[in-house]
Protein backbone atom coordinates (compact mmCIF):
# COMPACT_ATOMS: atom_id res chain seq x y z
CA UNK A 1 1.07 -145.68 -31.29
CA UNK A 2 2.95 -147.86 -33.77
CA UNK A 3 1.03 -149.35 -36.64
CA UNK A 4 2.41 -152.80 -35.95
CA UNK A 5 4.91 -154.37 -33.54
CA UNK A 6 8.07 -155.95 -35.04
CA UNK A 7 11.76 -155.94 -34.59
CA UNK A 8 14.71 -156.46 -37.05
CA UNK A 9 15.76 -159.96 -37.74
CA UNK A 10 19.13 -161.22 -36.74
CA UNK A 11 22.04 -161.89 -39.07
CA UNK A 12 20.71 -163.32 -42.43
CA UNK A 13 22.22 -165.99 -44.66
CA UNK A 14 23.74 -164.85 -47.95
CA UNK A 15 20.89 -166.45 -49.89
CA UNK A 16 18.25 -164.60 -47.81
CA UNK A 17 20.06 -161.33 -48.30
CA UNK A 18 20.38 -162.06 -52.08
CA UNK A 19 16.69 -162.97 -52.31
CA UNK A 20 15.64 -159.72 -50.61
CA UNK A 21 17.77 -157.85 -53.06
CA UNK A 22 16.51 -159.76 -56.11
CA UNK A 23 12.73 -159.71 -55.72
CA UNK A 24 10.24 -156.92 -55.18
CA UNK A 25 7.10 -157.27 -53.05
CA UNK A 26 4.73 -159.88 -54.65
CA UNK A 27 2.35 -158.41 -57.16
CA UNK A 28 1.44 -161.43 -59.24
CA UNK A 29 -2.30 -162.36 -58.89
CA UNK A 30 -1.88 -165.94 -60.04
CA UNK A 31 -3.47 -168.78 -58.07
CA UNK A 32 -2.97 -172.43 -58.86
CA UNK A 33 -4.92 -175.69 -58.53
CA UNK A 34 -4.94 -179.27 -59.64
CA UNK A 35 -7.69 -181.61 -60.63
CA UNK A 36 -7.17 -185.38 -61.17
CA UNK A 37 -9.94 -187.43 -62.79
CA UNK A 38 -10.54 -190.89 -64.29
CA UNK A 39 -10.05 -190.47 -68.03
CA UNK A 40 -11.64 -193.74 -68.97
CA UNK A 41 -14.76 -192.18 -70.42
CA UNK A 42 -12.89 -189.30 -72.11
CA UNK A 43 -10.49 -191.74 -73.86
CA UNK A 44 -13.32 -194.04 -74.97
CA UNK A 45 -15.17 -191.06 -76.35
CA UNK A 46 -12.31 -190.00 -78.34
CA UNK A 47 -11.86 -193.51 -79.84
CA UNK A 48 -15.61 -193.47 -80.74
CA UNK A 49 -15.21 -190.06 -82.45
CA UNK A 50 -12.18 -191.38 -84.40
CA UNK A 51 -14.10 -194.47 -85.56
CA UNK A 52 -17.05 -192.26 -86.64
CA UNK A 53 -15.33 -189.39 -88.28
CA UNK A 54 -11.75 -190.48 -88.96
CA UNK A 55 -10.49 -187.40 -87.11
CA UNK A 56 -7.95 -188.03 -84.39
CA UNK A 57 -9.02 -185.76 -81.59
CA UNK A 58 -6.94 -185.78 -78.40
CA UNK A 59 -7.41 -184.90 -74.73
CA UNK A 60 -6.01 -181.42 -75.53
CA UNK A 61 -8.91 -180.80 -77.89
CA UNK A 62 -11.38 -182.25 -75.39
CA UNK A 63 -10.11 -180.06 -72.60
CA UNK A 64 -10.12 -177.04 -74.88
CA UNK A 65 -13.79 -177.75 -75.83
CA UNK A 66 -14.72 -178.27 -72.13
CA UNK A 67 -13.09 -174.87 -71.18
CA UNK A 68 -14.97 -173.16 -73.98
CA UNK A 69 -18.31 -174.60 -72.88
CA UNK A 70 -17.67 -173.40 -69.31
CA UNK A 71 -16.78 -169.98 -70.40
CA UNK A 72 -19.89 -169.68 -72.56
CA UNK A 73 -21.91 -170.78 -69.40
CA UNK A 74 -20.07 -168.46 -66.98
CA UNK A 75 -19.66 -165.10 -68.75
CA UNK A 76 -18.48 -163.56 -65.44
CA UNK A 77 -15.25 -165.66 -65.92
CA UNK A 78 -14.94 -164.89 -69.60
CA UNK A 79 -13.56 -161.36 -69.25
CA UNK A 80 -10.73 -158.99 -70.03
CA UNK A 81 -9.07 -157.05 -67.25
CA UNK A 82 -8.82 -153.51 -68.69
CA UNK A 83 -8.01 -150.26 -66.87
CA UNK A 84 -9.02 -151.72 -63.48
CA UNK A 85 -12.40 -153.03 -64.71
CA UNK A 86 -13.70 -156.32 -66.09
CA UNK A 87 -14.97 -156.40 -69.61
CA UNK A 88 -16.97 -159.46 -70.71
CA UNK A 89 -15.75 -160.88 -74.03
CA UNK A 90 -18.18 -161.53 -76.83
CA UNK A 91 -16.45 -164.49 -78.46
CA UNK A 92 -15.01 -167.61 -76.79
CA UNK A 93 -11.60 -168.08 -78.39
CA UNK A 94 -9.28 -170.75 -76.98
CA UNK A 95 -5.52 -170.45 -77.42
CA UNK A 96 -3.61 -173.76 -77.77
CA UNK A 97 0.15 -173.46 -77.10
CA UNK A 98 2.31 -175.56 -79.38
CA UNK A 99 6.07 -176.19 -79.90
CA UNK A 100 7.70 -175.36 -83.14
CA UNK A 101 11.25 -176.35 -84.14
CA UNK A 102 13.50 -173.64 -85.52
CA UNK A 103 17.15 -172.97 -86.04
CA UNK A 104 17.57 -172.44 -82.30
CA UNK A 105 15.90 -175.69 -81.25
CA UNK A 106 12.36 -175.59 -79.93
CA UNK A 107 10.37 -172.40 -79.86
CA UNK A 108 6.91 -171.94 -78.23
CA UNK A 109 4.06 -170.42 -80.23
CA UNK A 110 0.34 -171.17 -80.53
CA UNK A 111 -2.88 -170.97 -82.37
CA UNK A 112 -6.38 -169.72 -81.65
CA UNK A 113 -9.58 -171.57 -82.28
CA UNK A 114 -12.21 -168.94 -82.70
CA UNK A 115 -15.66 -169.50 -81.39
CA UNK A 116 -14.69 -172.83 -79.79
CA UNK A 117 -17.96 -172.99 -77.79
CA UNK A 118 -19.78 -173.32 -81.08
CA UNK A 119 -17.56 -176.02 -82.59
CA UNK A 120 -17.65 -179.77 -81.96
CA UNK A 121 -14.63 -181.70 -80.65
CA UNK A 122 -14.05 -182.96 -84.16
CA UNK A 123 -14.24 -179.50 -85.63
CA UNK A 124 -11.68 -178.21 -83.17
CA UNK A 125 -9.36 -181.24 -83.89
CA UNK A 126 -9.65 -180.61 -87.66
CA UNK A 127 -8.98 -176.96 -87.47
CA UNK A 128 -6.26 -177.47 -85.06
CA UNK A 129 -4.42 -179.86 -87.31
CA UNK A 130 -4.78 -177.57 -90.31
CA UNK A 131 -3.44 -174.60 -88.35
CA UNK A 132 -0.73 -176.61 -86.73
CA UNK A 133 0.68 -177.38 -90.17
CA UNK A 134 0.78 -173.64 -90.98
CA UNK A 135 2.46 -172.84 -87.63
CA UNK A 136 5.25 -175.43 -88.20
CA UNK A 137 5.80 -174.08 -91.75
CA UNK A 138 5.95 -170.53 -90.17
CA UNK A 139 3.11 -169.30 -92.40
CA UNK A 140 0.38 -168.99 -89.87
CA UNK A 141 -1.83 -166.01 -90.86
CA UNK A 142 -2.43 -164.91 -87.23
CA UNK A 143 0.93 -165.05 -85.53
CA UNK A 144 3.58 -166.00 -88.06
CA UNK A 145 4.29 -162.53 -89.45
CA UNK A 146 4.24 -160.89 -86.04
CA UNK A 147 6.53 -163.55 -84.64
CA UNK A 148 9.07 -162.98 -87.41
CA UNK A 149 9.00 -159.24 -87.03
CA UNK A 150 9.50 -159.40 -83.28
CA UNK A 151 12.28 -161.94 -83.67
CA UNK A 152 14.28 -159.56 -85.84
CA UNK A 153 14.20 -156.76 -83.20
CA UNK A 154 17.11 -156.12 -80.78
CA UNK A 155 16.23 -157.38 -77.24
CA UNK A 156 16.34 -153.88 -75.77
CA UNK A 157 13.46 -152.84 -78.01
CA UNK A 158 11.12 -155.76 -77.20
CA UNK A 159 9.90 -154.54 -73.83
CA UNK A 160 9.08 -150.94 -74.87
CA UNK A 161 7.47 -152.11 -78.08
CA UNK A 162 5.40 -154.75 -76.28
CA UNK A 163 4.33 -152.14 -73.72
CA UNK A 164 3.22 -149.77 -76.50
CA UNK A 165 1.32 -152.51 -78.36
CA UNK A 166 -0.38 -153.55 -75.07
CA UNK A 167 -1.43 -149.99 -74.34
CA UNK A 168 -2.93 -149.51 -77.75
CA UNK A 169 -4.62 -152.85 -78.29
CA UNK A 170 -5.76 -153.87 -74.78
CA UNK A 171 -5.92 -150.73 -72.73
CA UNK A 172 -7.32 -148.35 -75.43
CA UNK A 173 -8.89 -151.11 -77.54
CA UNK A 174 -7.39 -149.73 -80.81
CA UNK A 175 -6.72 -151.88 -83.85
CA UNK A 176 -3.03 -151.60 -84.83
CA UNK A 177 -2.54 -151.98 -88.64
CA UNK A 178 -0.42 -154.98 -89.53
CA UNK A 179 -1.00 -156.77 -86.30
CA UNK A 180 -3.61 -159.63 -85.88
CA UNK A 181 -6.74 -159.05 -83.92
CA UNK A 182 -6.69 -160.51 -80.37
CA UNK A 183 -4.07 -163.13 -81.29
CA UNK A 184 -4.06 -164.95 -77.91
CA UNK A 185 -7.79 -165.53 -77.41
CA UNK A 186 -9.62 -165.40 -74.22
CA UNK A 187 -8.20 -168.45 -72.39
CA UNK A 188 -5.50 -171.06 -72.94
CA UNK A 189 -4.67 -174.70 -72.94
CA UNK A 190 -1.27 -176.21 -73.05
CA UNK A 191 -0.07 -179.86 -72.94
CA UNK A 192 3.08 -181.10 -71.31
CA UNK A 193 1.60 -184.59 -70.93
CA UNK A 194 2.90 -185.34 -74.49
CA UNK A 195 6.38 -185.11 -73.05
CA UNK A 196 5.61 -187.39 -70.12
CA UNK A 197 5.14 -184.63 -67.64
CA UNK A 198 2.45 -185.33 -65.05
CA UNK A 199 2.68 -182.27 -62.77
CA UNK A 200 3.54 -178.70 -63.71
CA UNK A 201 2.12 -175.19 -63.56
CA UNK A 202 2.35 -172.73 -66.44
CA UNK A 203 2.46 -168.93 -65.92
CA UNK A 204 -0.11 -166.56 -67.19
CA UNK A 205 1.58 -164.79 -70.10
CA UNK A 206 0.99 -160.97 -69.46
CA UNK A 207 0.67 -159.94 -73.16
CA UNK A 208 -2.09 -162.46 -73.66
CA UNK A 209 -4.37 -161.18 -70.78
CA UNK A 210 -5.86 -164.65 -70.05
CA UNK A 211 -7.68 -165.10 -66.73
CA UNK A 212 -7.49 -168.91 -67.12
CA UNK A 213 -4.77 -171.26 -68.37
CA UNK A 214 -5.09 -175.14 -68.19
CA UNK A 215 -2.14 -177.42 -68.37
CA UNK A 216 -2.86 -181.05 -69.52
CA UNK A 217 -0.52 -183.51 -67.76
CA UNK A 218 0.36 -187.03 -68.83
CA UNK A 219 -2.25 -189.75 -68.35
CA UNK A 220 -0.87 -192.59 -66.27
CA UNK A 221 -2.46 -195.79 -64.76
CA UNK A 222 -3.09 -195.34 -61.08
CA UNK A 223 -5.06 -197.01 -58.31
CA UNK A 224 -8.48 -195.35 -58.25
CA UNK A 225 -11.61 -195.86 -56.18
CA UNK A 226 -14.59 -196.84 -58.32
CA UNK A 227 -18.14 -197.87 -57.36
CA UNK A 228 -19.95 -201.00 -58.50
CA UNK A 229 -23.62 -200.99 -57.49
CA UNK A 230 -22.76 -198.55 -54.65
CA UNK A 231 -19.85 -200.67 -53.36
CA UNK A 232 -16.41 -198.91 -53.49
CA UNK A 233 -13.38 -200.86 -54.70
CA UNK A 234 -9.93 -200.06 -55.87
CA UNK A 235 -9.19 -200.52 -59.55
CA UNK A 236 -6.46 -199.35 -62.01
CA UNK A 237 -7.67 -196.41 -64.09
CA UNK A 238 -6.04 -193.95 -66.58
CA UNK A 239 -5.80 -190.75 -64.51
CA UNK A 240 -5.70 -187.39 -66.05
CA UNK A 241 -4.15 -184.45 -64.15
CA UNK A 242 -5.17 -180.88 -65.08
CA UNK A 243 -3.28 -177.95 -63.58
CA UNK A 244 -4.89 -174.47 -63.52
CA UNK A 245 -3.33 -171.11 -63.36
CA UNK A 246 -6.00 -168.49 -62.59
CA UNK A 247 -6.12 -164.67 -62.32
CA UNK A 248 -7.24 -163.88 -58.85
CA UNK A 249 -8.56 -160.55 -59.99
CA UNK A 250 -11.18 -162.42 -61.93
CA UNK A 251 -11.70 -165.64 -59.97
CA UNK A 252 -11.91 -166.26 -56.28
CA UNK A 253 -11.89 -169.56 -54.47
CA UNK A 254 -15.59 -170.17 -54.85
CA UNK A 255 -15.57 -169.45 -58.61
CA UNK A 256 -12.49 -171.63 -59.09
CA UNK A 257 -14.20 -174.56 -57.32
CA UNK A 258 -17.22 -174.07 -59.62
CA UNK A 259 -14.93 -174.07 -62.68
CA UNK A 260 -13.17 -177.22 -61.47
CA UNK A 261 -16.49 -179.03 -60.73
CA UNK A 262 -17.99 -178.22 -64.15
CA UNK A 263 -14.79 -179.17 -66.05
CA UNK A 264 -14.69 -182.45 -64.17
CA UNK A 265 -18.38 -183.19 -64.91
CA UNK A 266 -17.83 -182.45 -68.67
CA UNK A 267 -14.74 -184.66 -68.95
CA UNK A 268 -16.32 -187.51 -66.97
CA UNK A 269 -19.35 -187.31 -69.25
CA UNK A 270 -17.78 -186.18 -72.59
CA UNK A 271 -21.07 -186.78 -74.46
CA UNK A 272 -22.16 -183.48 -72.87
CA UNK A 273 -19.57 -181.74 -75.05
CA UNK A 274 -21.19 -182.78 -78.28
CA UNK A 275 -23.22 -180.20 -80.20
CA UNK A 276 -26.93 -180.79 -80.43
CA UNK A 277 -27.95 -182.77 -83.53
């Protein structure tokens, strides 16, 4: 008895034949989701922090802090996939992707805020600003030297060298002299909203081994249903879109829903993100 019943398709278009030749069977475990929320409270909280501390924190820092809090609360999501098993991480380190101008135009790099679950929004913003200046001068102590070394290699050597580094550092958990420790952190935040982009999804970067990446879209005024004394009405609100790329090996639909609900709660009530006095 045949395993399944099927018959060959008829004549295919050139694009369909080209597509079948170009791609292998899907193996990427990424899943995607979008959350839109009223950013009124979040923006007001950032203004209050600026007036109180003088530090200009942004929605990127706020989202990074919220993600760190959730990962500290949900250790089953704060893991490294290694040799077919899940390894809970000890430290919540958030990677922020940033753009850096170089001789070729705009290059992507980033910086890691270590222990972001133990730092306030203001602390994260201050450290981010200091590290960003180092990144833009290409003297970042964590990624700068590695980036320059890799940029000098012939393209044909990049893939085998990256594979060897990945094997040693992530599969075997060995420290490689001259390379930074865990340079990509445990989860990532990137912001395209600063370029006016509202909707986009970012890929999980394989060398980083993140299970979660959040993309911050542009805040725009939108019609929004609000409630006054229990009565719904339509008002114009600043709406923040967040777009998630998740590793389905770590998160399923139920866990992704819980992650979304908790992120939304923290950003709608940003005072929950402040450290205890």
